[in-house]
Amino acid sequence: MNFTPKQQAVLLALTTEWQTPMQIAGHLPNEWGNPSYVNELLKELMCEGLVQANPVVLGLYRLTTDGMARKALELGENQ
């Protein structure tokens, strides 16, 4: 998958810890930091298997194993 700059920014802001869209938005440039917009990007990344939604507590997200690998790849390409 080729990421848009916004998808890439959300991927790089995510960790393996559960986070809300508001927390993720706090790591993005202000023009991209709208939590509802972050939700849309999270859904796209979930479809790719890179992000997992918490099955018990709604509104929490984290990277999957594939997401961690892709984030590492993205970080390597940006160096």
Protein backbone atom coordinates (compact mmCIF):
# COMPACT_ATOMS: atom_id res chain seq x y z
CA MET A 1 0.00 0.00 0.00
CA ASN A 2 1.23 3.46 -0.86
CA PHE A 3 0.33 5.83 1.93
CA THR A 4 -0.82 9.39 1.59
CA PRO A 5 1.21 11.82 3.72
CA LYS A 6 -1.68 11.95 6.20
CA GLN A 7 -1.96 8.17 6.48
CA GLN A 8 1.79 7.96 6.97
CA ALA A 9 1.67 10.62 9.70
CA VAL A 10 -1.06 8.71 11.58
CA LEU A 11 0.86 5.44 11.22
CA LEU A 12 4.00 7.06 12.61
CA ALA A 13 2.05 8.64 15.49
CA LEU A 14 0.61 5.29 16.58
CA THR A 15 2.29 2.95 19.06
CA THR A 16 1.51 -0.48 20.50
CA GLU A 17 -0.20 1.23 23.45
CA TRP A 18 -3.93 1.95 23.25
CA GLN A 19 -4.58 5.56 22.22
CA THR A 20 -7.61 7.72 21.49
CA PRO A 21 -7.94 9.66 18.22
CA MET A 22 -7.43 12.82 20.30
CA GLN A 23 -4.07 11.54 21.56
CA ILE A 24 -3.03 10.56 18.05
CA ALA A 25 -4.15 13.93 16.69
CA GLY A 26 -1.88 15.60 19.24
CA HIS A 27 1.13 14.17 17.39
CA LEU A 28 0.05 15.51 14.00
CA PRO A 29 0.36 18.92 12.37
CA ASN A 30 -2.51 21.18 13.42
CA GLU A 31 -4.18 21.12 10.00
CA TRP A 32 -4.38 17.30 10.15
CA GLY A 33 -5.13 17.00 13.85
CA ASN A 34 -8.93 16.90 13.77
CA PRO A 35 -9.91 13.74 15.75
CA SER A 36 -12.82 12.93 13.42
CA TYR A 37 -10.45 13.12 10.44
CA VAL A 38 -7.99 10.90 12.33
CA ASN A 39 -10.85 8.39 12.77
CA GLU A 40 -11.25 8.15 8.99
CA LEU A 41 -7.52 7.55 8.54
CA LEU A 42 -7.58 4.91 11.31
CA LYS A 43 -10.39 3.07 9.52
CA GLU A 44 -8.34 3.03 6.32
CA LEU A 45 -5.33 1.66 8.18
CA MET A 46 -7.53 -0.92 9.93
CA CYS A 47 -8.69 -2.18 6.53
CA GLU A 48 -5.04 -2.79 5.68
CA GLY A 49 -4.53 -4.74 8.93
CA LEU A 50 -2.08 -2.20 10.35
CA VAL A 51 -4.26 -0.86 13.18
CA GLN A 52 -6.42 -2.64 15.73
CA ALA A 53 -9.45 -1.23 17.54
CA ASN A 54 -9.90 -2.19 21.18
CA PRO A 55 -12.71 -4.76 21.31
CA VAL A 56 -13.70 -3.85 24.88
CA VAL A 57 -13.22 -0.08 25.11
CA LEU A 58 -14.55 1.80 22.11
CA GLY A 59 -12.41 4.57 20.66
CA LEU A 60 -8.98 3.10 21.46
CA TYR A 61 -6.52 2.08 18.76
CA ARG A 62 -3.03 0.63 18.49
CA LEU A 63 -0.65 -0.82 15.93
CA THR A 64 -0.84 -4.49 15.00
CA THR A 65 2.30 -6.57 14.45
CA ASP A 66 2.06 -5.78 10.74
CA GLY A 67 1.61 -2.12 11.62
CA MET A 68 4.75 -2.13 13.74
CA ALA A 69 6.70 -3.70 10.88
CA ARG A 70 5.37 -1.15 8.39
CA LYS A 71 6.15 1.72 10.79
CA ALA A 72 9.72 0.44 11.13
CA LEU A 73 9.97 0.28 7.35
CA GLU A 74 8.60 3.82 7.00
CA LEU A 75 11.02 5.13 9.62
CA GLY A 76 13.91 3.44 7.81
CA GLU A 77 12.91 5.01 4.49
CA ASN A 78 12.72 8.48 6.06
CA GLN A 79 16.24 8.42 7.46
